[in-house]
Amino acid sequence: MSLYEPYPHLVAYDISDPKRLYRVHRYLKKLGIPLQYSVFLLHITPIQRKQIVFRLNRLIDPRADDVRIYPLPKNPDWQWWGRPIWMDGAILEGLPLPEGMGGAKFKT
């Protein structure tokens, strides 16, 4: 794995304080795509991951909060059920995601 090659990651969190929850959510919205309120998809390099971990450590209380980052394979076998993540016709560029999630079109 190259230090400069981006890979998909899931970030999930459980934050006990509403103020910290808002700060973590706002920070992750700048970096990735919210799949659910407390689950984000990020397409990041190992170097960026270290920077994100550093920043999240400053935003949370490790005694009360739980944040997890799960690296995914370069081309995961995506599956989803339930309501669509995005509205029909949404276009996301730069992220290697599957077509069909809510009718969205993806460009890489």
Protein backbone atom coordinates (compact mmCIF):
# COMPACT_ATOMS: atom_id res chain seq x y z
CA MET A 1 0.00 0.00 0.00
CA SER A 2 1.44 3.33 -1.08
CA LEU A 3 1.50 6.26 1.33
CA TYR A 4 0.09 8.46 -1.42
CA GLU A 5 -2.57 6.18 -2.88
CA PRO A 6 -6.09 6.78 -1.54
CA TYR A 7 -8.24 3.92 -0.28
CA PRO A 8 -11.81 3.89 0.97
CA HIS A 9 -12.32 3.95 4.73
CA LEU A 10 -15.41 3.80 6.90
CA VAL A 11 -15.45 6.08 9.93
CA ALA A 12 -18.06 5.38 12.59
CA TYR A 13 -18.51 7.17 15.85
CA ASP A 14 -20.55 7.31 19.04
CA ILE A 15 -20.07 10.64 20.78
CA SER A 16 -21.75 11.22 24.16
CA ASP A 17 -21.71 15.04 24.28
CA PRO A 18 -23.86 16.98 21.74
CA LYS A 19 -21.23 19.72 21.35
CA ARG A 20 -18.45 17.22 20.54
CA LEU A 21 -20.86 15.23 18.35
CA TYR A 22 -21.56 18.30 16.25
CA ARG A 23 -17.85 19.11 15.92
CA VAL A 24 -16.93 15.57 14.82
CA HIS A 25 -19.84 15.40 12.37
CA ARG A 26 -18.98 18.80 10.87
CA TYR A 27 -15.31 17.85 10.52
CA LEU A 28 -16.06 14.53 8.79
CA LYS A 29 -18.60 16.14 6.43
CA LYS A 30 -15.72 18.21 5.04
CA LEU A 31 -13.74 15.04 4.30
CA GLY A 32 -16.20 12.42 3.18
CA ILE A 33 -19.68 11.27 2.40
CA PRO A 34 -22.20 10.62 5.19
CA LEU A 35 -23.67 7.16 4.68
CA GLN A 36 -25.64 7.39 7.91
CA TYR A 37 -25.57 10.09 10.56
CA SER A 38 -22.63 8.56 12.42
CA VAL A 39 -20.98 6.65 9.54
CA PHE A 40 -18.86 8.30 6.86
CA LEU A 41 -17.08 7.06 3.77
CA LEU A 42 -13.68 8.66 3.21
CA HIS A 43 -11.32 8.12 0.29
CA ILE A 44 -7.96 8.90 1.90
CA THR A 45 -4.27 8.06 1.84
CA PRO A 46 -2.43 6.55 4.83
CA ILE A 47 -0.85 9.97 5.45
CA GLN A 48 -4.27 11.65 5.48
CA ARG A 49 -5.53 8.94 7.83
CA LYS A 50 -2.84 9.85 10.37
CA GLN A 51 -3.81 13.51 10.12
CA ILE A 52 -7.49 12.66 10.61
CA VAL A 53 -6.73 10.48 13.63
CA PHE A 54 -4.69 13.32 15.14
CA ARG A 55 -7.53 15.82 14.59
CA LEU A 56 -10.24 13.46 15.88
CA ASN A 57 -8.21 12.81 19.03
CA ARG A 58 -8.37 16.54 19.72
CA LEU A 59 -12.14 16.69 19.13
CA ILE A 60 -13.28 13.79 21.31
CA ASP A 61 -13.11 12.72 24.94
CA PRO A 62 -11.52 9.23 24.80
CA ARG A 63 -13.06 8.32 28.17
CA ALA A 64 -16.62 8.88 26.93
CA ASP A 65 -16.54 8.69 23.10
CA ASP A 66 -15.88 5.97 20.56
CA VAL A 67 -14.49 6.59 17.05
CA ARG A 68 -13.44 3.82 14.68
CA ILE A 69 -11.78 3.88 11.26
CA TYR A 70 -12.05 0.78 9.10
CA PRO A 71 -9.89 0.55 5.96
CA LEU A 72 -11.68 -1.10 3.05
CA PRO A 73 -10.25 -2.88 0.02
CA LYS A 74 -9.51 -0.73 -3.02
CA ASN A 75 -12.57 -2.11 -4.84
CA PRO A 76 -15.00 -3.35 -2.20
CA ASP A 77 -17.99 -5.50 -3.09
CA TRP A 78 -20.64 -2.89 -2.19
CA GLN A 79 -24.08 -3.97 -1.04
CA TRP A 80 -26.87 -1.87 0.39
CA TRP A 81 -30.52 -2.18 1.31
CA GLY A 82 -33.24 0.29 2.15
CA ARG A 83 -33.67 3.85 1.06
CA PRO A 84 -31.11 5.39 -1.30
CA ILE A 85 -28.15 7.30 0.07
CA TRP A 86 -28.33 10.04 -2.57
CA MET A 87 -31.09 11.47 -4.69
CA ASP A 88 -31.41 10.35 -8.30
CA GLY A 89 -29.03 12.12 -10.64
CA ALA A 90 -26.42 12.99 -8.00
CA ILE A 91 -22.88 13.04 -9.40
CA LEU A 92 -19.83 12.44 -7.23
CA GLU A 93 -16.43 12.88 -8.77
CA GLY A 94 -13.15 11.40 -7.65
CA LEU A 95 -14.57 8.56 -5.55
CA PRO A 96 -14.55 5.02 -6.94
CA LEU A 97 -18.03 4.06 -5.75
CA PRO A 98 -20.54 1.74 -7.41
CA GLU A 99 -23.27 3.00 -9.69
CA GLY A 100 -26.82 2.46 -8.63
CA MET A 101 -26.72 3.65 -5.02
CA GLY A 102 -29.90 5.70 -5.14
CA GLY A 103 -29.63 6.19 -8.88
CA ALA A 104 -26.48 8.26 -8.45
CA LYS A 105 -23.85 8.42 -11.17
CA PHE A 106 -20.22 8.30 -10.20
CA LYS A 107 -17.19 9.53 -12.07
CA THR A 108 -13.58 8.68 -11.22
